[in-house]
Amino acid sequence: MQQFVTSNIRSDDWAYVDPQAYYPAKLTGAATFFWSSGNLMSSAQKSRVTVCVISPQEVWVLKEFGGSWYSTGQEMIPTYTGLFGTKSGWGFLSLPNYRLSIYRRVPD
């Protein structure tokens, strides 16, 4: 996770990330926000976000930030799952699906 995130975020980025990517993103020195703060971000902050590290199912959030976005093609796909896949109801016998994709804002 750390290598994936730090290799895709620059120190001058404003990054919006899924919670599991928050601490690796902070290591880059980028301004970093995660999903629960999405609604608390001002319009000015949202317009400054330059990179998103999110699940492919969460691409709807890009609309919240305005502007145009593109996928960089970089993805972290889990190489294994727990005994019962990624269904969280099985507790430690399952693993969360940490599939993440990188999206960048198209420069103005």
PDB file of N, CA and C in Angstrom:
ATOM      1  N   MET A   1       0.830  -1.185   0.000  1.00  0.00           N
ATOM      2  CA  MET A   1       0.000   0.000   0.000  1.00  0.00           C
ATOM      3  C   MET A   1       0.874   1.249   0.000  1.00  0.00           C
ATOM      4  N   GLN A   2       1.843   1.292   0.899  1.00  0.00           N
ATOM      5  CA  GLN A   2       2.681   2.491   1.004  1.00  0.00           C
ATOM      6  C   GLN A   2       3.419   2.780  -0.295  1.00  0.00           C
ATOM      7  N   GLN A   3       4.023   1.777  -0.893  1.00  0.00           N
ATOM      8  CA  GLN A   3       4.756   1.988  -2.143  1.00  0.00           C
ATOM      9  C   GLN A   3       3.824   2.464  -3.262  1.00  0.00           C
ATOM     10  N   PHE A   4       2.651   1.868  -3.364  1.00  0.00           N
ATOM     11  CA  PHE A   4       1.691   2.267  -4.394  1.00  0.00           C
ATOM     12  C   PHE A   4       1.303   3.728  -4.233  1.00  0.00           C
ATOM     13  N   VAL A   5       0.949   4.120  -3.025  1.00  0.00           N
ATOM     14  CA  VAL A   5       0.486   5.480  -2.775  1.00  0.00           C
ATOM     15  C   VAL A   5       1.617   6.490  -2.942  1.00  0.00           C
ATOM     16  N   THR A   6       2.754   6.237  -2.332  1.00  0.00           N
ATOM     17  CA  THR A   6       3.846   7.221  -2.385  1.00  0.00           C
ATOM     18  C   THR A   6       4.442   7.364  -3.779  1.00  0.00           C
ATOM     19  N   SER A   7       4.304   6.357  -4.610  1.00  0.00           N
ATOM     20  CA  SER A   7       4.829   6.475  -5.973  1.00  0.00           C
ATOM     21  C   SER A   7       3.862   7.215  -6.902  1.00  0.00           C
ATOM     22  N   ASN A   8       2.652   7.511  -6.418  1.00  0.00           N
ATOM     23  CA  ASN A   8       1.651   8.169  -7.255  1.00  0.00           C
ATOM     24  C   ASN A   8       1.214   9.540  -6.749  1.00  0.00           C
ATOM     25  N   ILE A   9       1.756   9.969  -5.625  1.00  0.00           N
ATOM     26  CA  ILE A   9       1.421  11.279  -5.069  1.00  0.00           C
ATOM     27  C   ILE A   9       2.705  12.069  -4.892  1.00  0.00           C
ATOM     28  N   ARG A  10       2.688  13.311  -5.376  1.00  0.00           N
ATOM     29  CA  ARG A  10       3.848  14.212  -5.233  1.00  0.00           C
ATOM     30  C   ARG A  10       3.642  15.125  -4.028  1.00  0.00           C
ATOM     31  N   SER A  11       4.704  15.681  -3.522  1.00  0.00           N
ATOM     32  CA  SER A  11       4.613  16.549  -2.351  1.00  0.00           C
ATOM     33  C   SER A  11       3.797  17.812  -2.610  1.00  0.00           C
ATOM     34  N   ASP A  12       3.705  18.243  -3.869  1.00  0.00           N
ATOM     35  CA  ASP A  12       2.938  19.456  -4.184  1.00  0.00           C
ATOM     36  C   ASP A  12       1.470  19.161  -4.526  1.00  0.00           C
ATOM     37  N   ASP A  13       1.051  17.902  -4.442  1.00  0.00           N
ATOM     38  CA  ASP A  13      -0.339  17.526  -4.717  1.00  0.00           C
ATOM     39  C   ASP A  13      -1.252  17.888  -3.556  1.00  0.00           C
ATOM     40  N   TRP A  14      -2.521  18.035  -3.887  1.00  0.00           N
ATOM     41  CA  TRP A  14      -3.604  18.019  -2.916  1.00  0.00           C
ATOM     42  C   TRP A  14      -4.300  16.701  -3.176  1.00  0.00           C
ATOM     43  N   ALA A  15      -4.255  15.789  -2.208  1.00  0.00           N
ATOM     44  CA  ALA A  15      -4.710  14.416  -2.408  1.00  0.00           C
ATOM     45  C   ALA A  15      -5.980  14.120  -1.628  1.00  0.00           C
ATOM     46  N   TYR A  16      -6.921  13.503  -2.301  1.00  0.00           N
ATOM     47  CA  TYR A  16      -8.134  12.982  -1.686  1.00  0.00           C
ATOM     48  C   TYR A  16      -8.018  11.470  -1.791  1.00  0.00           C
ATOM     49  N   VAL A  17      -8.066  10.786  -0.651  1.00  0.00           N
ATOM     50  CA  VAL A  17      -7.764   9.359  -0.644  1.00  0.00           C
ATOM     51  C   VAL A  17      -8.799   8.575   0.155  1.00  0.00           C
ATOM     52  N   ASP A  18      -8.907   7.290  -0.173  1.00  0.00           N
ATOM     53  CA  ASP A  18      -9.675   6.386   0.674  1.00  0.00           C
ATOM     54  C   ASP A  18      -8.937   6.290   2.010  1.00  0.00           C
ATOM     55  N   PRO A  19      -9.663   6.031   3.095  1.00  0.00           N
ATOM     56  CA  PRO A  19      -9.030   6.027   4.419  1.00  0.00           C
ATOM     57  C   PRO A  19      -7.800   5.128   4.537  1.00  0.00           C
ATOM     58  N   GLN A  20      -7.806   3.967   3.900  1.00  0.00           N
ATOM     59  CA  GLN A  20      -6.660   3.064   4.039  1.00  0.00           C
ATOM     60  C   GLN A  20      -5.395   3.626   3.406  1.00  0.00           C
ATOM     61  N   ALA A  21      -5.532   4.619   2.547  1.00  0.00           N
ATOM     62  CA  ALA A  21      -4.362   5.235   1.900  1.00  0.00           C
ATOM     63  C   ALA A  21      -3.932   6.527   2.592  1.00  0.00           C
ATOM     64  N   TYR A  22      -4.625   6.914   3.660  1.00  0.00           N
ATOM     65  CA  TYR A  22      -4.370   8.206   4.296  1.00  0.00           C
ATOM     66  C   TYR A  22      -2.939   8.339   4.833  1.00  0.00           C
ATOM     67  N   TYR A  23      -2.496   7.417   5.660  1.00  0.00           N
ATOM     68  CA  TYR A  23      -1.167   7.550   6.256  1.00  0.00           C
ATOM     69  C   TYR A  23      -0.041   7.450   5.230  1.00  0.00           C
ATOM     70  N   PRO A  24      -0.109   6.531   4.278  1.00  0.00           N
ATOM     71  CA  PRO A  24       0.922   6.558   3.234  1.00  0.00           C
ATOM     72  C   PRO A  24       0.926   7.878   2.457  1.00  0.00           C
ATOM     73  N   ALA A  25      -0.253   8.449   2.204  1.00  0.00           N
ATOM     74  CA  ALA A  25      -0.326   9.723   1.473  1.00  0.00           C
ATOM     75  C   ALA A  25       0.300  10.854   2.292  1.00  0.00           C
ATOM     76  N   LYS A  26       0.074  10.850   3.595  1.00  0.00           N
ATOM     77  CA  LYS A  26       0.657  11.886   4.457  1.00  0.00           C
ATOM     78  C   LYS A  26       2.183  11.850   4.412  1.00  0.00           C
ATOM     79  N   LEU A  27       2.754  10.675   4.205  1.00  0.00           N
ATOM     80  CA  LEU A  27       4.217  10.549   4.134  1.00  0.00           C
ATOM     81  C   LEU A  27       4.810  11.324   2.962  1.00  0.00           C
ATOM     82  N   THR A  28       4.012  11.601   1.950  1.00  0.00           N
ATOM     83  CA  THR A  28       4.509  12.305   0.764  1.00  0.00           C
ATOM     84  C   THR A  28       4.652  13.806   1.000  1.00  0.00           C
ATOM     85  N   GLY A  29       4.021  14.311   2.052  1.00  0.00           N
ATOM     86  CA  GLY A  29       4.038  15.745   2.310  1.00  0.00           C
ATOM     87  C   GLY A  29       2.915  16.484   1.611  1.00  0.00           C
ATOM     88  N   ALA A  30       2.092  15.772   0.865  1.00  0.00           N
ATOM     89  CA  ALA A  30       0.960  16.392   0.156  1.00  0.00           C
ATOM     90  C   ALA A  30      -0.132  16.765   1.156  1.00  0.00           C
ATOM     91  N   ALA A  31      -0.894  17.797   0.834  1.00  0.00           N
ATOM     92  CA  ALA A  31      -2.113  18.085   1.601  1.00  0.00           C
ATOM     93  C   ALA A  31      -3.043  16.907   1.364  1.00  0.00           C
ATOM     94  N   THR A  32      -3.512  16.272   2.427  1.00  0.00           N
ATOM     95  CA  THR A  32      -4.224  15.007   2.290  1.00  0.00           C
ATOM     96  C   THR A  32      -5.565  15.044   3.009  1.00  0.00           C
ATOM     97  N   PHE A  33      -6.587  14.571   2.312  1.00  0.00           N
ATOM     98  CA  PHE A  33      -7.942  14.511   2.856  1.00  0.00           C
ATOM     99  C   PHE A  33      -8.501  13.128   2.566  1.00  0.00           C
ATOM    100  N   PHE A  34      -9.437  12.651   3.401  1.00  0.00           N
ATOM    101  CA  PHE A  34     -10.081  11.383   3.085  1.00  0.00           C
ATOM    102  C   PHE A  34     -11.582  11.519   3.155  1.00  0.00           C
ATOM    103  N   TRP A  35     -12.273  10.475   2.733  1.00  0.00           N
ATOM    104  CA  TRP A  35     -13.701  10.526   2.410  1.00  0.00           C
ATOM    105  C   TRP A  35     -14.585  11.164   3.455  1.00  0.00           C
ATOM    106  N   SER A  36     -14.365  10.940   4.726  1.00  0.00           N
ATOM    107  CA  SER A  36     -15.285  11.496   5.706  1.00  0.00           C
ATOM    108  C   SER A  36     -15.180  13.014   5.774  1.00  0.00           C
ATOM    109  N   SER A  37     -14.074  13.564   5.319  1.00  0.00           N
ATOM    110  CA  SER A  37     -13.948  15.023   5.331  1.00  0.00           C
ATOM    111  C   SER A  37     -14.412  15.634   4.010  1.00  0.00           C
ATOM    112  N   GLY A  38     -14.804  14.800   3.042  1.00  0.00           N
ATOM    113  CA  GLY A  38     -15.220  15.302   1.737  1.00  0.00           C
ATOM    114  C   GLY A  38     -16.336  16.324   1.826  1.00  0.00           C
ATOM    115  N   ASN A  39     -17.296  16.078   2.690  1.00  0.00           N
ATOM    116  CA  ASN A  39     -18.403  17.006   2.835  1.00  0.00           C
ATOM    117  C   ASN A  39     -18.011  18.254   3.611  1.00  0.00           C
ATOM    118  N   LEU A  40     -16.912  18.210   4.329  1.00  0.00           N
ATOM    119  CA  LEU A  40     -16.484  19.336   5.138  1.00  0.00           C
ATOM    120  C   LEU A  40     -15.494  20.232   4.412  1.00  0.00           C
ATOM    121  N   MET A  41     -15.070  19.829   3.258  1.00  0.00           N
ATOM    122  CA  MET A  41     -14.109  20.629   2.503  1.00  0.00           C
ATOM    123  C   MET A  41     -14.811  21.821   1.869  1.00  0.00           C
ATOM    124  N   SER A  42     -14.148  22.956   1.891  1.00  0.00           N
ATOM    125  CA  SER A  42     -14.706  24.139   1.239  1.00  0.00           C
ATOM    126  C   SER A  42     -14.606  23.978  -0.275  1.00  0.00           C
ATOM    127  N   SER A  43     -15.325  24.811  -0.999  1.00  0.00           N
ATOM    128  CA  SER A  43     -15.249  24.786  -2.465  1.00  0.00           C
ATOM    129  C   SER A  43     -13.838  25.086  -2.933  1.00  0.00           C
ATOM    130  N   ALA A  44     -13.165  26.002  -2.249  1.00  0.00           N
ATOM    131  CA  ALA A  44     -11.790  26.343  -2.612  1.00  0.00           C
ATOM    132  C   ALA A  44     -10.863  25.144  -2.430  1.00  0.00           C
ATOM    133  N   GLN A  45     -11.039  24.409  -1.340  1.00  0.00           N
ATOM    134  CA  GLN A  45     -10.215  23.223  -1.111  1.00  0.00           C
ATOM    135  C   GLN A  45     -10.503  22.157  -2.169  1.00  0.00           C
ATOM    136  N   LYS A  46     -11.783  21.939  -2.451  1.00  0.00           N
ATOM    137  CA  LYS A  46     -12.149  20.931  -3.451  1.00  0.00           C
ATOM    138  C   LYS A  46     -11.545  21.259  -4.810  1.00  0.00           C
ATOM    139  N   SER A  47     -11.503  22.531  -5.151  1.00  0.00           N
ATOM    140  CA  SER A  47     -10.965  22.917  -6.460  1.00  0.00           C
ATOM    141  C   SER A  47      -9.451  22.764  -6.531  1.00  0.00           C
ATOM    142  N   ARG A  48      -8.784  22.654  -5.390  1.00  0.00           N
ATOM    143  CA  ARG A  48      -7.328  22.490  -5.374  1.00  0.00           C
ATOM    144  C   ARG A  48      -6.881  21.037  -5.407  1.00  0.00           C
ATOM    145  N   VAL A  49      -7.812  20.094  -5.196  1.00  0.00           N
ATOM    146  CA  VAL A  49      -7.450  18.674  -5.214  1.00  0.00           C
ATOM    147  C   VAL A  49      -6.919  18.324  -6.599  1.00  0.00           C
ATOM    148  N   THR A  50      -5.747  17.705  -6.638  1.00  0.00           N
ATOM    149  CA  THR A  50      -5.099  17.370  -7.911  1.00  0.00           C
ATOM    150  C   THR A  50      -5.047  15.872  -8.185  1.00  0.00           C
ATOM    151  N   VAL A  51      -5.166  15.058  -7.133  1.00  0.00           N
ATOM    152  CA  VAL A  51      -5.073  13.612  -7.301  1.00  0.00           C
ATOM    153  C   VAL A  51      -6.029  12.929  -6.340  1.00  0.00           C
ATOM    154  N   CYS A  52      -6.645  11.846  -6.809  1.00  0.00           N
ATOM    155  CA  CYS A  52      -7.527  11.034  -5.969  1.00  0.00           C
ATOM    156  C   CYS A  52      -7.029   9.595  -5.995  1.00  0.00           C
ATOM    157  N   VAL A  53      -6.939   9.002  -4.820  1.00  0.00           N
ATOM    158  CA  VAL A  53      -6.597   7.588  -4.681  1.00  0.00           C
ATOM    159  C   VAL A  53      -7.839   6.946  -4.085  1.00  0.00           C
ATOM    160  N   ILE A  54      -8.650   6.355  -4.952  1.00  0.00           N
ATOM    161  CA  ILE A  54      -9.959   5.867  -4.535  1.00  0.00           C
ATOM    162  C   ILE A  54     -10.273   4.524  -5.183  1.00  0.00           C
ATOM    163  N   SER A  55     -11.276   3.881  -4.633  1.00  0.00           N
ATOM    164  CA  SER A  55     -11.782   2.646  -5.221  1.00  0.00           C
ATOM    165  C   SER A  55     -12.429   2.975  -6.562  1.00  0.00           C
ATOM    166  N   PRO A  56     -12.304   2.105  -7.546  1.00  0.00           N
ATOM    167  CA  PRO A  56     -12.969   2.355  -8.833  1.00  0.00           C
ATOM    168  C   PRO A  56     -14.485   2.541  -8.690  1.00  0.00           C
ATOM    169  N   GLN A  57     -15.076   1.989  -7.634  1.00  0.00           N
ATOM    170  CA  GLN A  57     -16.510   2.153  -7.416  1.00  0.00           C
ATOM    171  C   GLN A  57     -16.851   3.536  -6.863  1.00  0.00           C
ATOM    172  N   GLU A  58     -15.855   4.306  -6.485  1.00  0.00           N
ATOM    173  CA  GLU A  58     -16.083   5.620  -5.888  1.00  0.00           C
ATOM    174  C   GLU A  58     -15.819   6.771  -6.858  1.00  0.00           C
ATOM    175  N   VAL A  59     -15.777   6.499  -8.153  1.00  0.00           N
ATOM    176  CA  VAL A  59     -15.466   7.567  -9.111  1.00  0.00           C
ATOM    177  C   VAL A  59     -16.490   8.689  -9.094  1.00  0.00           C
ATOM    178  N   TRP A  60     -17.677   8.456  -8.564  1.00  0.00           N
ATOM    179  CA  TRP A  60     -18.689   9.502  -8.447  1.00  0.00           C
ATOM    180  C   TRP A  60     -18.170  10.702  -7.667  1.00  0.00           C
ATOM    181  N   VAL A  61     -17.215  10.461  -6.764  1.00  0.00           N
ATOM    182  CA  VAL A  61     -16.704  11.541  -5.923  1.00  0.00           C
ATOM    183  C   VAL A  61     -15.963  12.597  -6.752  1.00  0.00           C
ATOM    184  N   LEU A  62     -15.475  12.225  -7.927  1.00  0.00           N
ATOM    185  CA  LEU A  62     -14.752  13.187  -8.767  1.00  0.00           C
ATOM    186  C   LEU A  62     -15.645  14.362  -9.155  1.00  0.00           C
ATOM    187  N   LYS A  63     -16.938  14.111  -9.303  1.00  0.00           N
ATOM    188  CA  LYS A  63     -17.872  15.198  -9.613  1.00  0.00           C
ATOM    189  C   LYS A  63     -17.913  16.234  -8.501  1.00  0.00           C
ATOM    190  N   GLU A  64     -17.721  15.779  -7.267  1.00  0.00           N
ATOM    191  CA  GLU A  64     -17.739  16.681  -6.114  1.00  0.00           C
ATOM    192  C   GLU A  64     -16.624  17.724  -6.204  1.00  0.00           C
ATOM    193  N   PHE A  65     -15.544  17.365  -6.863  1.00  0.00           N
ATOM    194  CA  PHE A  65     -14.391  18.257  -6.956  1.00  0.00           C
ATOM    195  C   PHE A  65     -14.427  19.152  -8.185  1.00  0.00           C
ATOM    196  N   GLY A  66     -15.334  18.889  -9.099  1.00  0.00           N
ATOM    197  CA  GLY A  66     -15.439  19.700 -10.307  1.00  0.00           C
ATOM    198  C   GLY A  66     -14.267  19.464 -11.246  1.00  0.00           C
ATOM    199  N   GLY A  67     -14.304  20.116 -12.373  1.00  0.00           N
ATOM    200  CA  GLY A  67     -13.230  19.980 -13.357  1.00  0.00           C
ATOM    201  C   GLY A  67     -13.273  18.642 -14.072  1.00  0.00           C
ATOM    202  N   SER A  68     -12.232  18.392 -14.845  1.00  0.00           N
ATOM    203  CA  SER A  68     -12.116  17.145 -15.604  1.00  0.00           C
ATOM    204  C   SER A  68     -11.034  16.274 -14.979  1.00  0.00           C
ATOM    205  N   TRP A  69     -11.255  14.973 -14.996  1.00  0.00           N
ATOM    206  CA  TRP A  69     -10.350  14.009 -14.380  1.00  0.00           C
ATOM    207  C   TRP A  69     -10.044  12.887 -15.363  1.00  0.00           C
ATOM    208  N   TYR A  70      -8.895  12.260 -15.186  1.00  0.00           N
ATOM    209  CA  TYR A  70      -8.559  11.091 -15.992  1.00  0.00           C
ATOM    210  C   TYR A  70      -7.915  10.028 -15.103  1.00  0.00           C
ATOM    211  N   SER A  71      -8.098   8.796 -15.497  1.00  0.00           N
ATOM    212  CA  SER A  71      -7.445   7.691 -14.806  1.00  0.00           C
ATOM    213  C   SER A  71      -6.007   7.599 -15.312  1.00  0.00           C
ATOM    214  N   THR A  72      -5.070   7.450 -14.396  1.00  0.00           N
ATOM    215  CA  THR A  72      -3.668   7.306 -14.796  1.00  0.00           C
ATOM    216  C   THR A  72      -3.364   5.881 -15.248  1.00  0.00           C
ATOM    217  N   GLY A  73      -4.309   4.973 -14.992  1.00  0.00           N
ATOM    218  CA  GLY A  73      -4.085   3.569 -15.319  1.00  0.00           C
ATOM    219  C   GLY A  73      -3.373   2.815 -14.205  1.00  0.00           C
ATOM    220  N   GLN A  74      -2.974   3.520 -13.158  1.00  0.00           N
ATOM    221  CA  GLN A  74      -2.315   2.871 -12.021  1.00  0.00           C
ATOM    222  C   GLN A  74      -3.382   2.302 -11.097  1.00  0.00           C
ATOM    223  N   GLU A  75      -3.285   1.016 -10.798  1.00  0.00           N
ATOM    224  CA  GLU A  75      -4.234   0.367  -9.908  1.00  0.00           C
ATOM    225  C   GLU A  75      -3.521  -0.552  -8.949  1.00  0.00           C
ATOM    226  N   MET A  76      -4.023  -0.587  -7.730  1.00  0.00           N
ATOM    227  CA  MET A  76      -3.566  -1.581  -6.766  1.00  0.00           C
ATOM    228  C   MET A  76      -4.705  -2.583  -6.628  1.00  0.00           C
ATOM    229  N   ILE A  77      -4.448  -3.789  -7.065  1.00  0.00           N
ATOM    230  CA  ILE A  77      -5.454  -4.847  -7.015  1.00  0.00           C
ATOM    231  C   ILE A  77      -4.972  -5.890  -6.016  1.00  0.00           C
ATOM    232  N   PRO A  78      -5.780  -6.205  -5.003  1.00  0.00           N
ATOM    233  CA  PRO A  78      -5.355  -7.196  -4.011  1.00  0.00           C
ATOM    234  C   PRO A  78      -4.969  -8.511  -4.673  1.00  0.00           C
ATOM    235  N   THR A  79      -3.897  -9.094  -4.203  1.00  0.00           N
ATOM    236  CA  THR A  79      -3.418 -10.351  -4.785  1.00  0.00           C
ATOM    237  C   THR A  79      -4.055 -11.568  -4.146  1.00  0.00           C
ATOM    238  N   TYR A  80      -4.732 -11.371  -3.013  1.00  0.00           N
ATOM    239  CA  TYR A  80      -5.403 -12.489  -2.367  1.00  0.00           C
ATOM    240  C   TYR A  80      -6.564 -11.961  -1.539  1.00  0.00           C
ATOM    241  N   THR A  81      -7.426 -12.872  -1.129  1.00  0.00           N
ATOM    242  CA  THR A  81      -8.543 -12.533  -0.251  1.00  0.00           C
ATOM    243  C   THR A  81      -8.523 -13.505   0.910  1.00  0.00           C
ATOM    244  N   GLY A  82      -9.332 -13.253   1.910  1.00  0.00           N
ATOM    245  CA  GLY A  82      -9.425 -14.152   3.042  1.00  0.00           C
ATOM    246  C   GLY A  82     -10.168 -15.423   2.683  1.00  0.00           C
ATOM    247  N   LEU A  83     -10.326 -16.271   3.663  1.00  0.00           N
ATOM    248  CA  LEU A  83     -11.010 -17.547   3.480  1.00  0.00           C
ATOM    249  C   LEU A  83     -12.401 -17.360   2.879  1.00  0.00           C
ATOM    250  N   PHE A  84     -13.086 -16.284   3.291  1.00  0.00           N
ATOM    251  CA  PHE A  84     -14.422 -16.008   2.788  1.00  0.00           C
ATOM    252  C   PHE A  84     -14.456 -14.774   1.896  1.00  0.00           C
ATOM    253  N   GLY A  85     -13.391 -14.521   1.169  1.00  0.00           N
ATOM    254  CA  GLY A  85     -13.346 -13.408   0.234  1.00  0.00           C
ATOM    255  C   GLY A  85     -13.234 -12.064   0.923  1.00  0.00           C
ATOM    256  N   THR A  86     -13.960 -11.087   0.415  1.00  0.00           N
ATOM    257  CA  THR A  86     -13.877  -9.732   0.961  1.00  0.00           C
ATOM    258  C   THR A  86     -15.168  -9.313   1.661  1.00  0.00           C
ATOM    259  N   LYS A  87     -16.009 -10.248   2.017  1.00  0.00           N
ATOM    260  CA  LYS A  87     -17.256  -9.937   2.717  1.00  0.00           C
ATOM    261  C   LYS A  87     -16.940  -9.659   4.184  1.00  0.00           C
ATOM    262  N   SER A  88     -17.135  -8.414   4.606  1.00  0.00           N
ATOM    263  CA  SER A  88     -16.708  -7.998   5.941  1.00  0.00           C
ATOM    264  C   SER A  88     -17.460  -8.694   7.069  1.00  0.00           C
ATOM    265  N   GLY A  89     -18.607  -9.279   6.791  1.00  0.00           N
ATOM    266  CA  GLY A  89     -19.371  -9.966   7.824  1.00  0.00           C
ATOM    267  C   GLY A  89     -18.659 -11.172   8.422  1.00  0.00           C
ATOM    268  N   TRP A  90     -17.609 -11.625   7.785  1.00  0.00           N
ATOM    269  CA  TRP A  90     -16.888 -12.800   8.262  1.00  0.00           C
ATOM    270  C   TRP A  90     -15.697 -12.441   9.146  1.00  0.00           C
ATOM    271  N   GLY A  91     -15.578 -11.159   9.500  1.00  0.00           N
ATOM    272  CA  GLY A  91     -14.505 -10.747  10.415  1.00  0.00           C
ATOM    273  C   GLY A  91     -13.126 -11.047   9.885  1.00  0.00           C
ATOM    274  N   PHE A  92     -12.266 -11.608  10.765  1.00  0.00           N
ATOM    275  CA  PHE A  92     -10.871 -11.843  10.392  1.00  0.00           C
ATOM    276  C   PHE A  92     -10.715 -12.907   9.314  1.00  0.00           C
ATOM    277  N   LEU A  93     -11.760 -13.661   9.025  1.00  0.00           N
ATOM    278  CA  LEU A  93     -11.688 -14.679   7.972  1.00  0.00           C
ATOM    279  C   LEU A  93     -11.848 -14.077   6.579  1.00  0.00           C
ATOM    280  N   SER A  94     -12.141 -12.787   6.535  1.00  0.00           N
ATOM    281  CA  SER A  94     -12.241 -12.097   5.252  1.00  0.00           C
ATOM    282  C   SER A  94     -11.327 -10.883   5.293  1.00  0.00           C
ATOM    283  N   LEU A  95     -10.982 -10.379   4.139  1.00  0.00           N
ATOM    284  CA  LEU A  95     -10.126  -9.202   4.055  1.00  0.00           C
ATOM    285  C   LEU A  95     -10.847  -8.103   3.299  1.00  0.00           C
ATOM    286  N   PRO A  96     -10.632  -6.845   3.702  1.00  0.00           N
ATOM    287  CA  PRO A  96     -11.255  -5.763   2.949  1.00  0.00           C
ATOM    288  C   PRO A  96     -10.714  -5.712   1.529  1.00  0.00           C
ATOM    289  N   ASN A  97     -11.534  -5.235   0.612  1.00  0.00           N
ATOM    290  CA  ASN A  97     -11.118  -5.103  -0.769  1.00  0.00           C
ATOM    291  C   ASN A  97     -10.437  -3.749  -0.944  1.00  0.00           C
ATOM    292  N   TYR A  98      -9.130  -3.724  -0.874  1.00  0.00           N
ATOM    293  CA  TYR A  98      -8.373  -2.484  -0.986  1.00  0.00           C
ATOM    294  C   TYR A  98      -7.969  -2.204  -2.426  1.00  0.00           C
ATOM    295  N   ARG A  99      -8.853  -2.433  -3.346  1.00  0.00           N
ATOM    296  CA  ARG A  99      -8.569  -2.109  -4.741  1.00  0.00           C
ATOM    297  C   ARG A  99      -8.654  -0.594  -4.891  1.00  0.00           C
ATOM    298  N   LEU A 100      -7.575  -0.001  -5.361  1.00  0.00           N
ATOM    299  CA  LEU A 100      -7.496   1.447  -5.485  1.00  0.00           C
ATOM    300  C   LEU A 100      -7.023   1.843  -6.875  1.00  0.00           C
ATOM    301  N   SER A 101      -7.508   2.978  -7.342  1.00  0.00           N
ATOM    302  CA  SER A 101      -7.092   3.532  -8.630  1.00  0.00           C
ATOM    303  C   SER A 101      -6.671   4.982  -8.422  1.00  0.00           C
ATOM    304  N   ILE A 102      -5.823   5.451  -9.317  1.00  0.00           N
ATOM    305  CA  ILE A 102      -5.328   6.829  -9.267  1.00  0.00           C
ATOM    306  C   ILE A 102      -6.019   7.645 -10.351  1.00  0.00           C
ATOM    307  N   TYR A 103      -6.557   8.789  -9.946  1.00  0.00           N
ATOM    308  CA  TYR A 103      -7.184   9.733 -10.876  1.00  0.00           C
ATOM    309  C   TYR A 103      -6.528  11.098 -10.677  1.00  0.00           C
ATOM    310  N   ARG A 104      -6.236  11.776 -11.779  1.00  0.00           N
ATOM    311  CA  ARG A 104      -5.635  13.099 -11.716  1.00  0.00           C
ATOM    312  C   ARG A 104      -6.533  14.114 -12.398  1.00  0.00           C
ATOM    313  N   ARG A 105      -6.501  15.321 -11.854  1.00  0.00           N
ATOM    314  CA  ARG A 105      -7.256  16.425 -12.449  1.00  0.00           C
ATOM    315  C   ARG A 105      -6.546  16.882 -13.719  1.00  0.00           C
ATOM    316  N   VAL A 106      -7.314  17.130 -14.765  1.00  0.00           N
ATOM    317  CA  VAL A 106      -6.756  17.674 -16.004  1.00  0.00           C
ATOM    318  C   VAL A 106      -6.388  19.129 -15.709  1.00  0.00           C
ATOM    319  N   PRO A 107      -5.129  19.518 -15.948  1.00  0.00           N
ATOM    320  CA  PRO A 107      -4.724  20.905 -15.665  1.00  0.00           C
ATOM    321  C   PRO A 107      -5.551  21.903 -16.490  1.00  0.00           C
ATOM    322  N   ASP A 108      -5.793  23.061 -15.876  1.00  0.00           N
ATOM    323  CA  ASP A 108      -6.555  24.120 -16.579  1.00  0.00           C
ATOM    324  C   ASP A 108      -5.812  24.679 -17.767  1.00  0.00           C
TER     325      ASP A 108
END
